[in-house]
Amino acid sequence: PDLTGHEKFGLGNVKYNISRMHVTAVELPSASISLLPGSGIKLVIGNASLTIDMNWNIRTWMFKDSGRGTVHISKVFVTAIFSTPLDNTGPTSIAFTSCRTTSGDVDIKLNGKT
């Protein structure tokens, strides 16, 4: 979905819109899944990266600008736990129990026109 909002900076408001976000690259160089005896599944992803292309525009009382942008997020680490209740009364279910995510670097490049 698009991101639209406004922030107050100094003497006025800045209105922004980020649209047409598109994931252009995902790298998962280290990923593993392991069973947790009697309780569930553990997913670990290490040193992942993600690149997103987008359109952006901003507007203030003094100027407006718009263009294309790229966001590259790297050094992403994720640990997620899913529980699998051992219940013979129906279909197998999986519940999301916990998640821990960290990211190391975020690089944002905006190309615009005035």
Protein backbone atom coordinates (compact mmCIF):
# COMPACT_ATOMS: atom_id res chain seq x y z
CA PRO A 1 0.00 0.00 0.00
CA ASP A 2 0.98 3.64 -0.46
CA LEU A 3 2.37 5.62 2.48
CA THR A 4 0.90 9.10 2.87
CA GLY A 5 1.25 11.54 5.72
CA HIS A 6 2.67 14.79 7.02
CA GLU A 7 5.35 15.87 9.48
CA LYS A 8 5.95 19.23 11.13
CA PHE A 9 9.44 20.62 10.52
CA GLY A 10 10.59 24.09 11.54
CA LEU A 11 8.15 26.65 10.19
CA GLY A 12 5.70 24.36 8.42
CA ASN A 13 4.34 20.98 7.48
CA VAL A 14 5.83 18.58 4.96
CA LYS A 15 3.27 16.39 3.17
CA TYR A 16 4.62 13.22 1.62
CA ASN A 17 3.46 10.28 -0.46
CA ILE A 18 5.38 7.09 -1.27
CA SER A 19 3.69 4.98 -3.93
CA ARG A 20 4.20 2.13 -6.38
CA MET A 21 6.57 0.27 -4.05
CA HIS A 22 8.01 -2.77 -5.75
CA VAL A 23 10.42 -5.33 -4.26
CA THR A 24 13.14 -5.77 -6.88
CA ALA A 25 15.60 -8.03 -5.02
CA VAL A 26 15.67 -10.36 -2.02
CA GLU A 27 18.78 -12.23 -0.92
CA LEU A 28 18.73 -14.94 1.76
CA PRO A 29 22.34 -16.17 1.89
CA SER A 30 21.84 -17.97 5.19
CA ALA A 31 18.50 -19.54 6.14
CA SER A 32 17.65 -22.57 8.24
CA ILE A 33 14.59 -24.31 9.64
CA SER A 34 14.77 -26.58 12.65
CA LEU A 35 12.25 -28.54 14.69
CA LEU A 36 11.76 -27.68 18.35
CA PRO A 37 10.82 -31.03 19.93
CA GLY A 38 7.27 -31.02 21.22
CA SER A 39 6.61 -27.38 20.49
CA GLY A 40 7.19 -26.13 16.97
CA ILE A 41 9.48 -24.82 14.28
CA LYS A 42 12.31 -22.28 14.41
CA LEU A 43 13.21 -20.22 11.32
CA VAL A 44 16.53 -18.36 11.28
CA ILE A 45 17.55 -16.02 8.45
CA GLY A 46 20.97 -14.38 8.57
CA ASN A 47 22.58 -11.54 6.64
CA ALA A 48 19.61 -11.07 4.31
CA SER A 49 19.01 -8.04 2.11
CA LEU A 50 16.05 -6.40 0.38
CA THR A 51 15.79 -3.75 -2.35
CA ILE A 52 12.62 -1.72 -2.96
CA ASP A 53 11.95 0.75 -5.81
CA MET A 54 9.28 3.43 -5.36
CA ASN A 55 7.82 6.76 -6.46
CA TRP A 56 7.88 9.63 -3.97
CA ASN A 57 6.66 13.19 -3.69
CA ILE A 58 6.78 15.89 -1.05
CA ARG A 59 5.07 19.25 -0.74
CA THR A 60 5.69 22.17 1.61
CA TRP A 61 4.41 25.73 1.66
CA MET A 62 7.57 26.73 -0.20
CA PHE A 63 8.22 23.97 -2.77
CA LYS A 64 7.24 20.59 -4.09
CA ASP A 65 9.33 17.78 -5.53
CA SER A 66 8.86 14.22 -6.75
CA GLY A 67 10.77 11.38 -8.35
CA ARG A 68 11.87 7.78 -8.06
CA GLY A 69 13.75 6.20 -5.19
CA THR A 70 15.47 3.01 -4.11
CA VAL A 71 15.78 1.65 -0.58
CA HIS A 72 18.33 -1.09 0.10
CA ILE A 73 18.19 -2.79 3.52
CA SER A 74 21.07 -5.12 4.38
CA LYS A 75 22.47 -7.13 7.27
CA VAL A 76 18.94 -8.27 8.18
CA PHE A 77 18.68 -11.04 10.79
CA VAL A 78 15.37 -12.76 11.62
CA THR A 79 14.52 -15.43 14.17
CA ALA A 80 10.90 -16.62 14.18
CA ILE A 81 9.21 -19.33 16.23
CA PHE A 82 6.04 -21.08 15.07
CA SER A 83 4.13 -23.37 17.40
CA THR A 84 2.44 -26.50 16.15
CA PRO A 85 -0.04 -27.70 18.74
CA LEU A 86 -0.22 -31.48 18.88
CA ASP A 87 -3.96 -31.83 18.71
CA ASN A 88 -5.60 -34.80 17.01
CA THR A 89 -9.05 -33.16 16.91
CA GLY A 90 -8.70 -31.46 13.52
CA PRO A 91 -6.36 -30.25 10.85
CA THR A 92 -2.80 -29.31 11.78
CA SER A 93 -2.45 -25.66 12.67
CA ILE A 94 0.58 -23.38 12.89
CA ALA A 95 0.63 -20.30 15.13
CA PHE A 96 3.17 -17.49 15.00
CA THR A 97 4.70 -17.37 18.50
CA SER A 98 7.58 -14.89 18.39
CA CYS A 99 9.83 -12.94 16.07
CA ARG A 100 13.04 -10.95 16.49
CA THR A 101 14.38 -8.87 13.62
CA THR A 102 17.39 -6.57 13.34
CA SER A 103 18.80 -4.68 10.38
CA GLY A 104 22.25 -3.21 10.05
CA ASP A 105 22.28 -0.81 7.12
CA VAL A 106 19.64 1.19 5.24
CA ASP A 107 20.67 3.03 2.06
CA ILE A 108 18.13 5.43 0.53
CA LYS A 109 18.64 7.02 -2.89
CA LEU A 110 16.16 9.61 -4.15
CA ASN A 111 16.22 10.90 -7.71
CA GLY A 112 13.95 13.85 -8.25
CA LYS A 113 12.97 16.79 -10.32
CA THR A 114 11.95 20.28 -9.23
